[in-house]
Amino acid sequence: MNNTYKISGMTCDGCVASITNDLIKVNGVTKVAVSLEKGEVDIVTDRHIMLGILQSAISDKYKLHSKKEHAGKDSFKADSNKSTIKQLWPLFLIFMYLIAAVFLLNFKDWAATSAMLDFMGLFYIIFSFFKLLDLKGFSNSFRMYDPLAKRLPIYGFVYPFIELALGLMFLMRFQSTVALILTMVVLGLTTIGVSATLLDRKQIQCACLGTVLKLPMTKATFIENMIMLVMAITLLISNF
């Protein structure tokens, strides 16, 4: 018998290996194929095995859902949508702190150019920090949607350091034009991947804050990238 289930909670190849190892140990299971990109698992068995038995064999962080059970599928989507605001709260909080910090740094002698450079610098520093907390986990999640990371896995490991360097360049006003051009290239590529993921309606984890804070891939990720891109384009135009 061959059954395909939806599975939530996966973030990296380590999750795939863990689920595969746990399910293959279930009596009656002969083959397991987990797809991180699709969020699915194909299970071949020599007899019927209840979903509850399969669920109990894996970690509680992963949830199996029968593709044939429409009600269960709808319930999963409803729960996911209901918790989106709560999941994105860390991202909103970081942006509020960024805005407050930029205001405090510039309110005495306000200049839009200086404020945007400070915002972009602090943005990169903070976001690179979270990525570096779990570099391997970030790389695995990042290559699920970034076009370059998919083709060149090492890029996922280098990316947080690129962000850190760009952040320092903006804050120190060192080669700001070069940093702006690099921002357009780096975030432009990522935004293409984010857009494709959202259009395909794939439910995956956003790697913008690494894997420590488990954020879903939503329109907020696209907006976040576009804010940085618009700032970079605006500053480049004002420099010429």
Protein backbone atom coordinates (compact mmCIF):
# COMPACT_ATOMS: atom_id res chain seq x y z
CA MET A 1 0.00 0.00 0.00
CA ASN A 2 1.21 3.48 -0.87
CA ASN A 3 -0.06 6.53 1.02
CA THR A 4 0.92 10.20 0.80
CA TYR A 5 0.52 12.48 3.80
CA LYS A 6 0.99 16.20 4.33
CA ILE A 7 3.46 16.93 7.13
CA SER A 8 4.06 20.22 8.95
CA GLY A 9 6.90 21.34 11.21
CA MET A 10 9.85 20.50 8.94
CA THR A 11 12.55 23.16 8.52
CA CYS A 12 15.67 21.42 7.25
CA ASP A 13 17.26 18.22 5.95
CA GLY A 14 17.81 17.13 9.55
CA CYS A 15 14.04 17.01 9.99
CA VAL A 16 13.75 14.87 6.86
CA ALA A 17 16.34 12.40 8.18
CA SER A 18 14.71 12.24 11.62
CA ILE A 19 11.22 11.57 10.24
CA THR A 20 12.51 8.99 7.78
CA ASN A 21 14.42 7.10 10.48
CA ASP A 22 11.43 7.10 12.85
CA LEU A 23 8.82 6.00 10.31
CA ILE A 24 10.89 3.23 8.74
CA LYS A 25 11.04 1.60 12.20
CA VAL A 26 7.25 1.21 12.34
CA ASN A 27 6.21 -2.41 11.92
CA GLY A 28 4.73 -2.84 8.45
CA VAL A 29 6.44 0.17 6.85
CA THR A 30 8.72 -0.84 3.98
CA LYS A 31 9.67 2.48 2.40
CA VAL A 32 9.60 6.18 3.36
CA ALA A 33 10.23 9.18 1.09
CA VAL A 34 10.02 12.65 2.65
CA SER A 35 9.84 15.82 0.54
CA LEU A 36 10.90 18.94 2.42
CA GLU A 37 9.90 21.24 -0.46
CA LYS A 38 6.39 19.80 -0.86
CA GLY A 39 5.85 19.20 2.85
CA GLU A 40 4.80 15.62 2.12
CA VAL A 41 5.80 12.08 2.99
CA ASP A 42 5.16 8.96 0.88
CA ILE A 43 4.87 5.78 2.95
CA VAL A 44 4.80 2.28 1.49
CA THR A 45 3.41 -0.41 3.79
CA ASP A 46 2.61 -4.12 3.55
CA ARG A 47 -0.67 -3.58 5.40
CA HIS A 48 -2.98 -0.80 6.55
CA ILE A 49 -1.48 1.30 9.35
CA MET A 50 -3.57 3.88 11.16
CA LEU A 51 -2.48 7.52 10.96
CA GLY A 52 -2.34 7.70 14.76
CA ILE A 53 0.31 4.98 14.86
CA LEU A 54 2.45 6.80 12.31
CA GLN A 55 2.02 10.09 14.19
CA SER A 56 3.06 8.52 17.48
CA ALA A 57 6.26 7.24 15.89
CA ILE A 58 7.59 10.72 15.10
CA SER A 59 8.38 13.76 17.23
CA ASP A 60 5.49 15.92 18.46
CA LYS A 61 6.93 18.89 16.54
CA TYR A 62 5.82 17.24 13.28
CA LYS A 63 2.16 16.75 12.38
CA LEU A 64 0.85 14.28 9.80
CA HIS A 65 -2.35 15.06 7.89
CA SER A 66 -4.14 12.74 5.50
CA LYS A 67 -4.54 14.31 2.04
CA LYS A 68 -7.82 12.42 1.69
CA GLU A 69 -9.36 13.87 4.83
CA HIS A 70 -10.65 17.22 3.60
CA ALA A 71 -11.85 18.34 7.00
CA GLY A 72 -8.49 17.67 8.60
CA LYS A 73 -6.75 19.58 5.84
CA ASP A 74 -9.03 22.60 6.23
CA SER A 75 -8.52 22.53 10.00
CA PHE A 76 -4.76 22.61 9.55
CA LYS A 77 -4.98 25.64 7.26
CA ALA A 78 -7.31 27.43 9.67
CA ASP A 79 -4.97 26.85 12.61
CA SER A 80 -2.02 28.01 10.53
CA ASN A 81 -3.77 31.23 9.46
CA LYS A 82 -5.00 31.90 12.99
CA SER A 83 -1.48 31.77 14.41
CA THR A 84 0.19 33.84 11.67
CA ILE A 85 -0.05 37.15 13.56
CA LYS A 86 1.36 35.54 16.69
CA GLN A 87 4.18 33.93 14.70
CA LEU A 88 5.10 37.20 12.99
CA TRP A 89 5.08 39.23 16.21
CA PRO A 90 8.92 38.96 16.68
CA LEU A 91 9.38 40.45 13.20
CA PHE A 92 7.03 43.34 13.91
CA LEU A 93 8.73 43.95 17.25
CA ILE A 94 12.17 44.09 15.62
CA PHE A 95 10.93 46.64 13.07
CA MET A 96 9.49 48.80 15.86
CA TYR A 97 12.83 48.74 17.66
CA LEU A 98 14.63 49.57 14.42
CA ILE A 99 12.40 52.57 13.75
CA ALA A 100 12.81 53.80 17.34
CA ALA A 101 16.61 53.43 17.17
CA VAL A 102 16.83 55.31 13.87
CA PHE A 103 14.67 58.11 15.26
CA LEU A 104 16.82 58.47 18.38
CA LEU A 105 20.01 58.51 16.31
CA ASN A 106 18.78 61.21 13.93
CA PHE A 107 16.09 63.35 15.60
CA LYS A 108 18.45 66.21 16.56
CA ASP A 109 19.68 66.72 13.02
CA TRP A 110 17.16 64.87 10.88
CA ALA A 111 18.18 63.86 7.36
CA ALA A 112 16.29 61.24 5.36
CA THR A 113 19.48 59.89 3.75
CA SER A 114 21.23 59.38 7.08
CA ALA A 115 18.12 57.81 8.61
CA MET A 116 17.75 55.30 5.76
CA LEU A 117 21.43 54.34 5.92
CA ASP A 118 21.15 53.78 9.67
CA PHE A 119 17.97 51.74 9.22
CA MET A 120 19.56 49.51 6.58
CA GLY A 121 22.73 49.10 8.64
CA LEU A 122 20.88 48.12 11.81
CA PHE A 123 18.54 45.87 9.81
CA TYR A 124 21.44 43.87 8.42
CA ILE A 125 23.27 43.64 11.76
CA ILE A 126 20.22 42.37 13.65
CA PHE A 127 19.08 39.92 10.99
CA SER A 128 22.58 38.50 10.50
CA PHE A 129 22.82 37.92 14.28
CA PHE A 130 19.77 35.64 14.28
CA LYS A 131 21.01 33.76 11.22
CA LEU A 132 24.42 33.13 12.80
CA LEU A 133 22.83 31.53 15.87
CA ASP A 134 22.15 28.44 13.73
CA LEU A 135 24.18 28.80 10.56
CA LYS A 136 23.58 25.26 9.28
CA GLY A 137 19.84 25.40 9.98
CA PHE A 138 19.57 28.78 8.27
CA SER A 139 21.43 27.52 5.21
CA ASN A 140 19.09 24.52 4.88
CA SER A 141 15.98 26.70 5.18
CA PHE A 142 17.34 29.47 2.95
CA ARG A 143 18.06 27.21 0.00
CA MET A 144 14.41 26.14 -0.06
CA TYR A 145 13.50 29.42 -1.73
CA ASP A 146 16.59 31.49 -2.62
CA PRO A 147 17.49 30.83 -6.30
CA LEU A 148 21.27 31.14 -5.82
CA ALA A 149 21.37 29.11 -2.60
CA LYS A 150 19.51 26.29 -4.37
CA ARG A 151 22.24 26.05 -7.01
CA LEU A 152 25.18 26.96 -4.78
CA PRO A 153 24.63 25.64 -1.20
CA ILE A 154 27.77 27.39 0.13
CA TYR A 155 25.99 30.71 -0.53
CA GLY A 156 23.63 29.92 2.34
CA PHE A 157 26.59 29.73 4.74
CA VAL A 158 28.16 32.94 3.40
CA TYR A 159 24.94 34.98 3.28
CA PRO A 160 24.81 36.01 6.98
CA PHE A 161 28.38 37.29 6.74
CA ILE A 162 27.44 39.29 3.64
CA GLU A 163 24.61 40.85 5.62
CA LEU A 164 26.96 41.61 8.52
CA ALA A 165 29.47 43.27 6.19
CA LEU A 166 26.76 45.34 4.48
CA GLY A 167 25.41 46.43 7.85
CA LEU A 168 28.84 47.67 8.96
CA MET A 169 29.38 49.44 5.63
CA PHE A 170 26.10 51.35 5.99
CA LEU A 171 26.67 52.30 9.63
CA MET A 172 30.27 53.38 9.00
CA ARG A 173 29.33 55.14 5.74
CA PHE A 174 32.05 53.08 4.03
CA GLN A 175 31.56 52.57 0.26
CA SER A 176 27.82 53.13 0.69
CA THR A 177 27.19 53.12 -3.06
CA VAL A 178 28.79 49.69 -3.39
CA ALA A 179 26.73 48.46 -0.44
CA LEU A 180 23.54 49.76 -2.05
CA ILE A 181 24.27 47.97 -5.31
CA LEU A 182 25.04 44.73 -3.46
CA THR A 183 21.80 45.12 -1.52
CA MET A 184 19.84 45.34 -4.75
CA VAL A 185 21.52 42.20 -6.10
CA VAL A 186 21.34 40.12 -2.92
CA LEU A 187 17.82 41.05 -1.84
CA GLY A 188 16.64 41.09 -5.45
CA LEU A 189 17.51 37.41 -5.83
CA THR A 190 15.91 36.52 -2.50
CA THR A 191 12.74 38.45 -3.35
CA ILE A 192 12.38 36.48 -6.58
CA GLY A 193 12.50 33.26 -4.57
CA VAL A 194 10.06 34.59 -1.96
CA SER A 195 7.63 35.68 -4.69
CA ALA A 196 7.75 32.25 -6.35
CA THR A 197 7.12 30.53 -3.00
CA LEU A 198 4.13 32.75 -2.22
CA LEU A 199 2.65 32.28 -5.70
CA ASP A 200 2.99 28.49 -5.35
CA ARG A 201 1.36 28.76 -1.91
CA LYS A 202 4.02 26.60 -0.33
CA GLN A 203 3.97 26.49 3.47
CA ILE A 204 7.62 26.74 4.49
CA GLN A 205 9.64 28.52 7.14
CA CYS A 206 11.05 31.95 6.41
CA ALA A 207 14.79 32.10 7.10
CA CYS A 208 14.93 35.90 7.49
CA LEU A 209 15.44 35.53 11.25
CA GLY A 210 17.23 32.20 11.05
CA THR A 211 15.70 29.08 12.60
CA VAL A 212 15.64 30.19 16.23
CA LEU A 213 12.44 32.18 15.65
CA LYS A 214 10.22 30.00 13.49
CA LEU A 215 8.49 32.45 11.16
CA PRO A 216 6.17 31.32 8.34
CA MET A 217 6.80 32.49 4.79
CA THR A 218 4.17 35.20 4.28
CA LYS A 219 3.64 38.48 2.43
CA ALA A 220 5.41 40.16 5.36
CA THR A 221 8.67 38.62 4.13
CA PHE A 222 8.09 40.09 0.67
CA ILE A 223 7.23 43.52 2.13
CA GLU A 224 10.32 43.44 4.36
CA ASN A 225 12.58 42.85 1.34
CA MET A 226 10.80 45.45 -0.76
CA ILE A 227 11.29 48.11 1.94
CA MET A 228 15.04 47.54 1.78
CA LEU A 229 15.07 47.48 -2.02
CA VAL A 230 13.07 50.71 -2.29
CA MET A 231 15.45 52.40 0.15
CA ALA A 232 18.48 51.18 -1.81
CA ILE A 233 17.05 52.40 -5.13
CA THR A 234 16.03 55.77 -3.61
CA LEU A 235 19.49 56.33 -2.13
CA LEU A 236 21.23 55.32 -5.34
CA ILE A 237 19.13 57.75 -7.37
CA SER A 238 19.79 60.57 -4.90
CA ASN A 239 23.55 59.96 -5.18
CA PHE A 240 23.62 60.45 -8.96
